[in-house]
């Protein structure tokens, strides 16, 4: 009978997001990683492979988790504008929560690796295409339903909304001021009113 793992793999991925988000990929030594994860070296290798393998899995987990939430909001929305507002409000809320915001900072470590790691670059490109498409389809639906009154290029607006999500995370890395995050989100959302 196989022995069961003594740790929750999902929880370890969330801890890895925090560690890599805090120290960056290059700054995360194996001892720092093992201490942050609370697992033994052999468990890391047996379950996740190398530090790089764990990093890629943590980035994928983060990107997929966040993107799935965005797509779900947009697909289930009765009001597209309300859904987009909810998406941005959730980002601002998470970035104000000291524990949850740490996970978001894995984005910096991941983006730094894009020029060197084709797998990370491909992940971000797939995510960009998926979310820009989801935003675009929602914006088209909102315009057809008379909810959105704009002459803006909806594809450009979808692209902007995708990137504005990442910009909020960058702002949170630079300042702890909740008002700043809220103001930037408000301005980003004002593009839906233009």
N, C-alpha and C. Protein backbone atom coordinates (compact mmCIF):
# COMPACT_ATOMS: atom_id res chain seq x y z
N UNK A 1 0.85 -1.18 0.00
CA UNK A 1 0.00 0.00 0.00
C UNK A 1 0.89 1.24 0.00
N UNK A 2 0.61 2.18 -0.88
CA UNK A 2 1.41 3.40 -0.98
C UNK A 2 1.11 4.33 0.19
N UNK A 3 2.17 4.95 0.69
CA UNK A 3 2.01 5.89 1.80
C UNK A 3 1.48 7.21 1.26
N UNK A 4 0.50 7.79 1.95
CA UNK A 4 -0.07 9.05 1.47
C UNK A 4 0.86 10.21 1.80
N UNK A 5 0.81 11.22 0.99
CA UNK A 5 1.61 12.42 1.22
C UNK A 5 1.13 13.07 2.52
N UNK A 6 2.07 13.62 3.26
CA UNK A 6 1.72 14.23 4.53
C UNK A 6 1.55 15.73 4.39
N UNK A 7 1.30 16.19 3.18
CA UNK A 7 1.06 17.62 2.97
C UNK A 7 0.07 17.79 1.83
N UNK A 8 -0.60 18.90 1.83
CA UNK A 8 -1.58 19.24 0.81
C UNK A 8 -0.83 19.90 -0.35
N UNK A 9 -0.85 19.27 -1.51
CA UNK A 9 -0.10 19.78 -2.66
C UNK A 9 -0.56 21.17 -3.07
N UNK A 10 -1.85 21.42 -2.99
CA UNK A 10 -2.40 22.73 -3.33
C UNK A 10 -1.88 23.80 -2.36
N UNK A 11 -1.85 23.45 -1.09
CA UNK A 11 -1.35 24.38 -0.07
C UNK A 11 0.14 24.67 -0.29
N UNK A 12 0.89 23.67 -0.68
CA UNK A 12 2.32 23.87 -0.95
C UNK A 12 2.51 24.81 -2.13
N UNK A 13 1.67 24.69 -3.16
CA UNK A 13 1.77 25.61 -4.30
C UNK A 13 1.49 27.05 -3.86
N UNK A 14 0.52 27.24 -2.98
CA UNK A 14 0.23 28.59 -2.47
C UNK A 14 1.40 29.12 -1.64
N UNK A 15 2.00 28.26 -0.85
CA UNK A 15 3.18 28.69 -0.08
C UNK A 15 4.33 29.03 -1.02
N UNK A 16 4.48 28.23 -2.08
CA UNK A 16 5.55 28.51 -3.06
C UNK A 16 5.33 29.86 -3.72
N UNK A 17 4.07 30.21 -4.01
CA UNK A 17 3.77 31.52 -4.58
C UNK A 17 4.27 32.62 -3.66
N UNK A 18 4.02 32.45 -2.36
CA UNK A 18 4.44 33.45 -1.38
C UNK A 18 5.96 33.57 -1.32
N UNK A 19 6.64 32.42 -1.26
CA UNK A 19 8.11 32.43 -1.14
C UNK A 19 8.74 33.05 -2.38
N UNK A 20 8.34 32.56 -3.56
CA UNK A 20 8.91 33.11 -4.80
C UNK A 20 8.50 34.57 -4.98
N UNK A 21 7.29 34.91 -4.54
CA UNK A 21 6.84 36.29 -4.64
C UNK A 21 7.65 37.21 -3.76
N UNK A 22 8.07 36.71 -2.61
CA UNK A 22 8.84 37.54 -1.67
C UNK A 22 10.31 37.67 -2.09
N UNK A 23 10.93 36.55 -2.44
CA UNK A 23 12.37 36.54 -2.71
C UNK A 23 12.73 36.60 -4.19
N UNK A 24 11.75 36.38 -5.06
CA UNK A 24 12.07 36.25 -6.49
C UNK A 24 12.60 34.86 -6.75
N UNK A 25 12.65 34.47 -8.01
CA UNK A 25 13.13 33.13 -8.34
C UNK A 25 14.60 32.99 -7.99
N UNK A 26 15.40 33.94 -8.45
CA UNK A 26 16.85 33.87 -8.22
C UNK A 26 17.20 33.98 -6.75
N UNK A 27 16.45 34.78 -5.99
CA UNK A 27 16.75 35.00 -4.58
C UNK A 27 16.25 33.91 -3.65
N UNK A 28 15.50 32.97 -4.20
CA UNK A 28 14.96 31.88 -3.37
C UNK A 28 15.95 30.72 -3.38
N UNK A 29 16.69 30.59 -2.29
CA UNK A 29 17.61 29.46 -2.16
C UNK A 29 16.81 28.22 -1.76
N UNK A 30 17.41 27.07 -1.91
CA UNK A 30 16.72 25.83 -1.53
C UNK A 30 16.37 25.82 -0.04
N UNK A 31 17.28 26.22 0.87
CA UNK A 31 16.89 26.25 2.28
C UNK A 31 15.72 27.20 2.56
N UNK A 32 15.72 28.38 1.93
CA UNK A 32 14.61 29.32 2.10
C UNK A 32 13.32 28.69 1.60
N UNK A 33 13.39 28.04 0.45
CA UNK A 33 12.21 27.41 -0.14
C UNK A 33 11.67 26.30 0.76
N UNK A 34 12.53 25.42 1.22
CA UNK A 34 12.09 24.31 2.07
C UNK A 34 11.49 24.81 3.37
N UNK A 35 12.11 25.83 3.96
CA UNK A 35 11.56 26.40 5.20
C UNK A 35 10.20 27.03 4.95
N UNK A 36 10.07 27.77 3.86
CA UNK A 36 8.80 28.41 3.54
C UNK A 36 7.69 27.43 3.22
N UNK A 37 8.06 26.31 2.62
CA UNK A 37 7.06 25.30 2.26
C UNK A 37 6.73 24.38 3.42
N UNK A 38 7.68 24.22 4.33
CA UNK A 38 7.46 23.32 5.46
C UNK A 38 7.50 21.86 5.06
N UNK A 39 8.29 21.55 4.03
CA UNK A 39 8.44 20.15 3.61
C UNK A 39 9.92 19.81 3.53
N UNK A 40 10.20 18.52 3.49
CA UNK A 40 11.58 18.05 3.40
C UNK A 40 12.07 18.09 1.95
N UNK A 41 13.39 18.15 1.82
CA UNK A 41 14.02 18.20 0.49
C UNK A 41 13.54 17.05 -0.40
N UNK A 42 13.52 15.84 0.14
CA UNK A 42 13.14 14.69 -0.68
C UNK A 42 11.68 14.78 -1.12
N UNK A 43 10.82 15.30 -0.26
CA UNK A 43 9.41 15.49 -0.64
C UNK A 43 9.29 16.48 -1.79
N UNK A 44 10.11 17.53 -1.75
CA UNK A 44 10.11 18.51 -2.84
C UNK A 44 10.47 17.82 -4.15
N UNK A 45 11.58 17.09 -4.13
CA UNK A 45 12.05 16.43 -5.36
C UNK A 45 11.08 15.35 -5.83
N UNK A 46 10.56 14.56 -4.89
CA UNK A 46 9.65 13.47 -5.26
C UNK A 46 8.34 13.98 -5.84
N UNK A 47 7.84 15.08 -5.31
CA UNK A 47 6.52 15.57 -5.70
C UNK A 47 6.57 16.61 -6.80
N UNK A 48 7.53 17.51 -6.72
CA UNK A 48 7.54 18.66 -7.65
C UNK A 48 8.74 18.68 -8.59
N UNK A 49 9.76 17.90 -8.30
CA UNK A 49 10.96 17.95 -9.12
C UNK A 49 11.92 18.99 -8.58
N UNK A 50 12.51 19.75 -9.46
CA UNK A 50 13.49 20.75 -9.07
C UNK A 50 12.81 22.04 -8.61
N UNK A 51 13.63 22.97 -8.12
CA UNK A 51 13.14 24.30 -7.75
C UNK A 51 12.45 24.94 -8.96
N UNK A 52 13.07 24.82 -10.11
CA UNK A 52 12.49 25.40 -11.33
C UNK A 52 11.15 24.75 -11.64
N UNK A 53 11.07 23.43 -11.52
CA UNK A 53 9.80 22.73 -11.78
C UNK A 53 8.70 23.23 -10.85
N UNK A 54 9.04 23.40 -9.57
CA UNK A 54 8.05 23.90 -8.61
C UNK A 54 7.65 25.32 -8.96
N UNK A 55 8.61 26.14 -9.33
CA UNK A 55 8.32 27.52 -9.71
C UNK A 55 7.33 27.56 -10.87
N UNK A 56 7.59 26.78 -11.91
CA UNK A 56 6.70 26.75 -13.08
C UNK A 56 5.31 26.27 -12.66
N UNK A 57 5.23 25.24 -11.83
CA UNK A 57 3.93 24.73 -11.37
C UNK A 57 3.19 25.79 -10.55
N UNK A 58 3.92 26.50 -9.70
CA UNK A 58 3.29 27.54 -8.87
C UNK A 58 2.77 28.68 -9.74
N UNK A 59 3.56 29.08 -10.73
CA UNK A 59 3.12 30.15 -11.64
C UNK A 59 1.89 29.70 -12.42
N UNK A 60 1.91 28.49 -12.95
CA UNK A 60 0.75 27.96 -13.67
C UNK A 60 -0.48 27.94 -12.78
N UNK A 61 -0.29 27.47 -11.56
CA UNK A 61 -1.40 27.39 -10.61
C UNK A 61 -1.98 28.78 -10.36
N UNK A 62 -1.11 29.74 -10.11
CA UNK A 62 -1.55 31.12 -9.85
C UNK A 62 -2.30 31.68 -11.06
N UNK A 63 -1.69 31.60 -12.22
CA UNK A 63 -2.29 32.18 -13.42
C UNK A 63 -3.62 31.51 -13.73
N UNK A 64 -3.67 30.19 -13.67
CA UNK A 64 -4.91 29.48 -13.97
C UNK A 64 -6.00 29.80 -12.95
N UNK A 65 -5.64 29.84 -11.68
CA UNK A 65 -6.62 30.14 -10.63
C UNK A 65 -7.23 31.53 -10.84
N UNK A 66 -6.38 32.52 -11.08
CA UNK A 66 -6.87 33.90 -11.25
C UNK A 66 -7.65 34.05 -12.55
N UNK A 67 -7.15 33.46 -13.62
CA UNK A 67 -7.82 33.58 -14.91
C UNK A 67 -9.16 32.86 -14.93
N UNK A 68 -9.22 31.69 -14.31
CA UNK A 68 -10.49 30.97 -14.23
C UNK A 68 -11.54 31.80 -13.51
N UNK A 69 -11.13 32.50 -12.46
CA UNK A 69 -12.07 33.35 -11.72
C UNK A 69 -12.59 34.49 -12.59
N UNK A 70 -11.71 35.09 -13.39
CA UNK A 70 -12.13 36.18 -14.29
C UNK A 70 -13.12 35.66 -15.32
N UNK A 71 -12.78 34.56 -15.96
CA UNK A 71 -13.65 33.99 -17.00
C UNK A 71 -15.00 33.61 -16.41
N UNK A 72 -15.01 33.02 -15.23
CA UNK A 72 -16.26 32.64 -14.57
C UNK A 72 -17.12 33.87 -14.29
N UNK A 73 -16.51 34.93 -13.78
CA UNK A 73 -17.26 36.19 -13.55
C UNK A 73 -17.91 36.67 -14.84
N UNK A 74 -17.15 36.67 -15.91
CA UNK A 74 -17.65 37.20 -17.18
C UNK A 74 -18.73 36.31 -17.79
N UNK A 75 -18.57 35.00 -17.70
CA UNK A 75 -19.53 34.08 -18.30
C UNK A 75 -20.86 34.04 -17.55
N UNK A 76 -20.83 34.20 -16.25
CA UNK A 76 -22.05 34.08 -15.45
C UNK A 76 -22.75 35.41 -15.21
N UNK A 77 -22.18 36.47 -15.72
CA UNK A 77 -22.68 37.81 -15.41
C UNK A 77 -23.98 38.13 -16.12
N UNK A 78 -24.90 38.70 -15.37
CA UNK A 78 -26.09 39.28 -15.99
C UNK A 78 -25.73 40.65 -16.56
N UNK A 79 -24.83 41.33 -15.88
CA UNK A 79 -24.34 42.63 -16.31
C UNK A 79 -22.83 42.54 -16.49
N UNK A 80 -22.37 42.75 -17.72
CA UNK A 80 -20.93 42.68 -18.00
C UNK A 80 -20.18 43.76 -17.24
N UNK A 81 -20.72 44.96 -17.23
CA UNK A 81 -20.05 46.05 -16.51
C UNK A 81 -19.94 45.73 -15.02
N UNK A 82 -21.01 45.18 -14.45
CA UNK A 82 -20.96 44.80 -13.03
C UNK A 82 -19.91 43.71 -12.80
N UNK A 83 -19.81 42.78 -13.73
CA UNK A 83 -18.83 41.70 -13.60
C UNK A 83 -17.41 42.25 -13.65
N UNK A 84 -17.14 43.15 -14.57
CA UNK A 84 -15.80 43.73 -14.68
C UNK A 84 -15.49 44.56 -13.43
N UNK A 85 -16.48 45.30 -12.95
CA UNK A 85 -16.28 46.04 -11.70
C UNK A 85 -15.97 45.07 -10.56
N UNK A 86 -16.68 43.95 -10.49
CA UNK A 86 -16.45 42.96 -9.43
C UNK A 86 -15.05 42.36 -9.53
N UNK A 87 -14.59 42.12 -10.75
CA UNK A 87 -13.24 41.58 -10.95
C UNK A 87 -12.20 42.54 -10.38
N UNK A 88 -12.33 43.81 -10.71
CA UNK A 88 -11.36 44.79 -10.24
C UNK A 88 -11.49 45.04 -8.73
N UNK A 89 -12.71 45.02 -8.21
CA UNK A 89 -12.89 45.17 -6.76
C UNK A 89 -12.22 44.02 -6.02
N UNK A 90 -12.35 42.81 -6.56
CA UNK A 90 -11.73 41.64 -5.94
C UNK A 90 -10.20 41.77 -5.95
N UNK A 91 -9.64 42.25 -7.04
CA UNK A 91 -8.19 42.44 -7.11
C UNK A 91 -7.75 43.44 -6.04
N UNK A 92 -8.44 44.56 -5.95
CA UNK A 92 -8.10 45.58 -4.95
C UNK A 92 -8.23 45.00 -3.54
N UNK A 93 -9.28 44.23 -3.30
CA UNK A 93 -9.49 43.61 -1.99
C UNK A 93 -8.34 42.66 -1.64
N UNK A 94 -7.98 41.79 -2.58
CA UNK A 94 -6.90 40.83 -2.34
C UNK A 94 -5.58 41.55 -2.09
N UNK A 95 -5.33 42.60 -2.86
CA UNK A 95 -4.06 43.32 -2.72
C UNK A 95 -3.98 44.12 -1.42
N UNK A 96 -5.11 44.29 -0.74
CA UNK A 96 -5.11 44.96 0.56
C UNK A 96 -5.01 43.96 1.71
N UNK A 97 -5.16 42.68 1.41
CA UNK A 97 -5.05 41.62 2.41
C UNK A 97 -3.59 41.18 2.47
N UNK A 98 -2.94 41.46 3.58
CA UNK A 98 -1.49 41.24 3.71
C UNK A 98 -1.08 39.81 3.36
N UNK A 99 -1.86 38.82 3.76
CA UNK A 99 -1.49 37.43 3.49
C UNK A 99 -1.72 37.06 2.03
N UNK A 100 -2.86 37.43 1.48
CA UNK A 100 -3.20 37.03 0.12
C UNK A 100 -2.39 37.77 -0.93
N UNK A 101 -2.01 39.01 -0.66
CA UNK A 101 -1.28 39.79 -1.65
C UNK A 101 0.10 39.22 -1.92
N UNK A 102 0.68 38.53 -0.93
CA UNK A 102 2.02 37.95 -1.10
C UNK A 102 2.05 36.98 -2.27
N UNK A 103 0.96 36.22 -2.44
CA UNK A 103 0.90 35.27 -3.56
C UNK A 103 0.96 36.00 -4.90
N UNK A 104 0.34 37.17 -4.96
CA UNK A 104 0.27 37.91 -6.22
C UNK A 104 1.63 38.34 -6.71
N UNK A 105 2.57 38.51 -5.79
CA UNK A 105 3.88 39.01 -6.17
C UNK A 105 4.71 37.97 -6.93
N UNK A 106 4.21 36.73 -7.03
CA UNK A 106 4.91 35.74 -7.85
C UNK A 106 4.94 36.21 -9.31
N UNK A 107 4.01 37.08 -9.67
CA UNK A 107 3.99 37.60 -11.04
C UNK A 107 5.31 38.25 -11.41
N UNK A 108 5.91 39.00 -10.49
CA UNK A 108 7.17 39.67 -10.79
C UNK A 108 8.27 38.68 -11.06
N UNK A 109 8.34 37.65 -10.23
CA UNK A 109 9.34 36.62 -10.44
C UNK A 109 9.12 35.94 -11.78
N UNK A 110 7.86 35.68 -12.10
CA UNK A 110 7.53 34.99 -13.35
C UNK A 110 7.84 35.87 -14.57
N UNK A 111 7.43 37.12 -14.52
CA UNK A 111 7.66 38.02 -15.66
C UNK A 111 9.16 38.20 -15.89
N UNK A 112 9.95 38.24 -14.81
CA UNK A 112 11.40 38.33 -14.96
C UNK A 112 11.97 37.13 -15.71
N UNK A 113 11.31 35.99 -15.61
CA UNK A 113 11.81 34.76 -16.24
C UNK A 113 11.35 34.60 -17.70
N UNK A 114 10.40 35.42 -18.14
CA UNK A 114 9.85 35.28 -19.50
C UNK A 114 10.94 35.26 -20.58
N UNK A 115 11.93 36.16 -20.55
CA UNK A 115 12.95 36.14 -21.61
C UNK A 115 13.82 34.88 -21.61
N UNK A 116 13.88 34.18 -20.46
CA UNK A 116 14.79 33.04 -20.31
C UNK A 116 14.08 31.69 -20.30
N UNK A 117 12.79 31.71 -20.05
CA UNK A 117 12.04 30.46 -19.87
C UNK A 117 10.87 30.39 -20.85
N UNK A 118 11.04 29.66 -21.95
CA UNK A 118 9.97 29.57 -22.95
C UNK A 118 8.66 29.04 -22.38
N UNK A 119 8.72 28.16 -21.40
CA UNK A 119 7.49 27.61 -20.82
C UNK A 119 6.69 28.69 -20.09
N UNK A 120 7.38 29.57 -19.38
CA UNK A 120 6.71 30.68 -18.69
C UNK A 120 6.18 31.67 -19.72
N UNK A 121 6.98 31.97 -20.74
CA UNK A 121 6.55 32.90 -21.79
C UNK A 121 5.29 32.37 -22.48
N UNK A 122 5.27 31.08 -22.78
CA UNK A 122 4.10 30.48 -23.44
C UNK A 122 2.87 30.53 -22.53
N UNK A 123 3.07 30.31 -21.25
CA UNK A 123 1.96 30.37 -20.29
C UNK A 123 1.33 31.76 -20.28
N UNK A 124 2.17 32.80 -20.21
CA UNK A 124 1.64 34.16 -20.20
C UNK A 124 0.96 34.51 -21.52
N UNK A 125 1.51 34.02 -22.62
CA UNK A 125 0.88 34.30 -23.92
C UNK A 125 -0.48 33.61 -24.03
N UNK A 126 -0.57 32.37 -23.60
CA UNK A 126 -1.85 31.66 -23.61
C UNK A 126 -2.87 32.36 -22.72
N UNK A 127 -2.41 32.79 -21.56
CA UNK A 127 -3.29 33.49 -20.63
C UNK A 127 -3.77 34.81 -21.23
N UNK A 128 -2.85 35.54 -21.84
CA UNK A 128 -3.22 36.83 -22.46
C UNK A 128 -4.28 36.62 -23.52
N UNK A 129 -4.07 35.67 -24.39
CA UNK A 129 -5.02 35.40 -25.47
C UNK A 129 -6.38 34.99 -24.87
N UNK A 130 -6.35 34.11 -23.89
CA UNK A 130 -7.60 33.64 -23.27
C UNK A 130 -8.38 34.78 -22.63
N UNK A 131 -7.70 35.60 -21.82
CA UNK A 131 -8.41 36.65 -21.09
C UNK A 131 -8.79 37.83 -21.98
N UNK A 132 -7.93 38.19 -22.91
CA UNK A 132 -8.32 39.25 -23.84
C UNK A 132 -9.56 38.83 -24.61
N UNK A 133 -9.60 37.57 -25.00
CA UNK A 133 -10.76 37.05 -25.72
C UNK A 133 -12.00 37.06 -24.83
N UNK A 134 -11.86 36.66 -23.58
CA UNK A 134 -13.00 36.65 -22.65
C UNK A 134 -13.51 38.07 -22.42
N UNK A 135 -12.60 39.01 -22.20
CA UNK A 135 -13.02 40.41 -22.03
C UNK A 135 -13.68 40.93 -23.31
N UNK A 136 -13.09 40.62 -24.46
CA UNK A 136 -13.63 41.10 -25.73
C UNK A 136 -15.05 40.57 -25.96
N UNK A 137 -15.23 39.27 -25.78
CA UNK A 137 -16.56 38.68 -25.99
C UNK A 137 -17.59 39.30 -25.04
N UNK A 138 -17.18 39.54 -23.80
CA UNK A 138 -18.09 40.16 -22.83
C UNK A 138 -18.42 41.59 -23.24
N UNK A 139 -17.43 42.34 -23.71
CA UNK A 139 -17.65 43.72 -24.13
C UNK A 139 -18.56 43.78 -25.36
N UNK A 140 -18.37 42.87 -26.29
CA UNK A 140 -19.25 42.81 -27.48
C UNK A 140 -20.68 42.53 -27.04
N UNK A 141 -20.84 41.58 -26.13
CA UNK A 141 -22.18 41.25 -25.62
C UNK A 141 -22.79 42.47 -24.94
N UNK A 142 -22.00 43.18 -24.13
CA UNK A 142 -22.51 44.36 -23.43
C UNK A 142 -22.93 45.45 -24.41
N UNK A 143 -22.17 45.60 -25.48
CA UNK A 143 -22.52 46.62 -26.48
C UNK A 143 -23.80 46.22 -27.22
N UNK A 144 -23.91 44.95 -27.58
CA UNK A 144 -25.10 44.46 -28.27
C UNK A 144 -26.34 44.58 -27.40
N UNK A 145 -26.17 44.41 -26.09
CA UNK A 145 -27.30 44.49 -25.16
C UNK A 145 -27.63 45.92 -24.76
N UNK A 146 -26.86 46.87 -25.26
CA UNK A 146 -27.10 48.27 -24.93
C UNK A 146 -26.57 48.68 -23.56
N UNK A 147 -25.79 47.80 -22.94
CA UNK A 147 -25.22 48.11 -21.63
C UNK A 147 -23.97 48.98 -21.74
N UNK A 148 -23.27 48.86 -22.85
CA UNK A 148 -22.02 49.59 -23.06
C UNK A 148 -22.21 50.55 -24.22
N UNK A 149 -21.97 51.82 -23.96
CA UNK A 149 -22.13 52.86 -24.98
C UNK A 149 -20.77 53.49 -25.22
N UNK A 150 -20.04 52.95 -26.16
CA UNK A 150 -18.71 53.46 -26.44
C UNK A 150 -18.39 53.27 -27.92
N UNK A 151 -17.57 54.15 -28.42
CA UNK A 151 -17.07 54.01 -29.79
C UNK A 151 -15.64 53.49 -29.78
N UNK A 152 -15.15 53.13 -28.60
CA UNK A 152 -13.78 52.62 -28.48
C UNK A 152 -13.65 51.29 -29.22
N UNK A 153 -12.45 51.00 -29.62
CA UNK A 153 -12.11 49.70 -30.19
C UNK A 153 -12.21 48.68 -29.06
N UNK A 154 -13.16 47.77 -29.16
CA UNK A 154 -13.40 46.82 -28.07
C UNK A 154 -12.23 45.86 -27.86
N UNK A 155 -11.52 45.55 -28.94
CA UNK A 155 -10.34 44.68 -28.79
C UNK A 155 -9.26 45.40 -27.98
N UNK A 156 -9.06 46.69 -28.27
CA UNK A 156 -8.07 47.48 -27.52
C UNK A 156 -8.51 47.63 -26.06
N UNK A 157 -9.80 47.80 -25.84
CA UNK A 157 -10.32 47.92 -24.47
C UNK A 157 -10.12 46.61 -23.71
N UNK A 158 -10.37 45.49 -24.37
CA UNK A 158 -10.15 44.18 -23.75
C UNK A 158 -8.67 44.00 -23.38
N UNK A 159 -7.80 44.40 -24.29
CA UNK A 159 -6.35 44.31 -24.03
C UNK A 159 -5.98 45.19 -22.84
N UNK A 160 -6.54 46.38 -22.79
CA UNK A 160 -6.28 47.30 -21.68
C UNK A 160 -6.72 46.69 -20.35
N UNK A 161 -7.91 46.13 -20.30
CA UNK A 161 -8.42 45.54 -19.06
C UNK A 161 -7.52 44.39 -18.59
N UNK A 162 -7.06 43.59 -19.53
CA UNK A 162 -6.14 42.50 -19.19
C UNK A 162 -4.89 43.05 -18.50
N UNK A 163 -4.29 44.06 -19.11
CA UNK A 163 -3.03 44.60 -18.58
C UNK A 163 -3.25 45.45 -17.32
N UNK A 164 -4.40 46.07 -17.21
CA UNK A 164 -4.69 46.88 -16.02
C UNK A 164 -4.72 46.01 -14.76
N UNK A 165 -5.15 44.76 -14.90
CA UNK A 165 -5.13 43.84 -13.75
C UNK A 165 -3.71 43.67 -13.22
N UNK A 166 -2.76 43.48 -14.14
CA UNK A 166 -1.36 43.33 -13.72
C UNK A 166 -0.80 44.63 -13.16
N UNK A 167 -1.23 45.74 -13.72
CA UNK A 167 -0.75 47.04 -13.24
C UNK A 167 -1.12 47.26 -11.77
N UNK A 168 -2.30 46.83 -11.38
CA UNK A 168 -2.70 46.97 -9.98
C UNK A 168 -1.77 46.19 -9.05
N UNK A 169 -1.33 45.03 -9.49
CA UNK A 169 -0.40 44.24 -8.68
C UNK A 169 0.93 44.97 -8.55
N UNK A 170 1.36 45.61 -9.61
CA UNK A 170 2.60 46.38 -9.56
C UNK A 170 2.47 47.54 -8.58
N UNK A 171 1.35 48.22 -8.62
CA UNK A 171 1.12 49.33 -7.69
C UNK A 171 1.18 48.83 -6.25
N UNK A 172 0.58 47.67 -5.99
CA UNK A 172 0.57 47.12 -4.63
C UNK A 172 1.97 46.77 -4.15
N UNK A 173 2.84 46.44 -5.08
CA UNK A 173 4.23 46.15 -4.72
C UNK A 173 4.96 47.44 -4.32
N UNK A 174 4.55 48.55 -4.91
CA UNK A 174 5.21 49.83 -4.67
C UNK A 174 4.65 50.61 -3.49
N UNK A 175 3.37 50.39 -3.15
CA UNK A 175 2.75 51.14 -2.07
C UNK A 175 1.75 50.28 -1.31
N UNK A 176 1.57 50.58 -0.05
CA UNK A 176 0.58 49.89 0.78
C UNK A 176 -0.69 50.72 0.92
N UNK A 177 -0.81 51.79 0.18
CA UNK A 177 -1.93 52.72 0.32
C UNK A 177 -3.17 52.20 -0.40
N UNK A 178 -4.20 51.76 0.35
CA UNK A 178 -5.42 51.24 -0.27
C UNK A 178 -6.11 52.26 -1.17
N UNK A 179 -6.05 53.53 -0.77
CA UNK A 179 -6.70 54.58 -1.56
C UNK A 179 -6.10 54.66 -2.96
N UNK A 180 -4.79 54.50 -3.06
CA UNK A 180 -4.13 54.54 -4.36
C UNK A 180 -4.65 53.42 -5.26
N UNK A 181 -4.74 52.21 -4.71
CA UNK A 181 -5.26 51.08 -5.49
C UNK A 181 -6.69 51.34 -5.94
N UNK A 182 -7.51 51.83 -5.03
CA UNK A 182 -8.91 52.09 -5.36
C UNK A 182 -9.03 53.17 -6.44
N UNK A 183 -8.22 54.21 -6.34
CA UNK A 183 -8.28 55.29 -7.34
C UNK A 183 -7.87 54.78 -8.72
N UNK A 184 -6.82 53.97 -8.77
CA UNK A 184 -6.37 53.45 -10.06
C UNK A 184 -7.41 52.51 -10.65
N UNK A 185 -8.01 51.67 -9.82
CA UNK A 185 -9.08 50.78 -10.30
C UNK A 185 -10.26 51.59 -10.82
N UNK A 186 -10.61 52.65 -10.13
CA UNK A 186 -11.73 53.51 -10.55
C UNK A 186 -11.45 54.13 -11.91
N UNK A 187 -10.24 54.63 -12.10
CA UNK A 187 -9.88 55.22 -13.40
C UNK A 187 -9.90 54.14 -14.49
N UNK A 188 -9.36 52.97 -14.19
CA UNK A 188 -9.37 51.88 -15.17
C UNK A 188 -10.80 51.53 -15.57
N UNK A 189 -11.68 51.47 -14.59
CA UNK A 189 -13.08 51.12 -14.86
C UNK A 189 -13.83 52.24 -15.58
N UNK A 190 -13.34 53.45 -15.47
CA UNK A 190 -13.99 54.56 -16.17
C UNK A 190 -13.91 54.41 -17.68
N UNK A 191 -13.00 53.57 -18.15
CA UNK A 191 -12.91 53.33 -19.60
C UNK A 191 -14.17 52.66 -20.13
N UNK A 192 -14.94 52.04 -19.24
CA UNK A 192 -16.19 51.42 -19.66
C UNK A 192 -17.30 52.45 -19.86
N UNK A 193 -17.07 53.65 -19.38
CA UNK A 193 -18.08 54.71 -19.48
C UNK A 193 -17.80 55.67 -20.64
N UNK A 194 -16.64 55.57 -21.23
CA UNK A 194 -16.24 56.52 -22.28
C UNK A 194 -17.05 56.35 -23.55
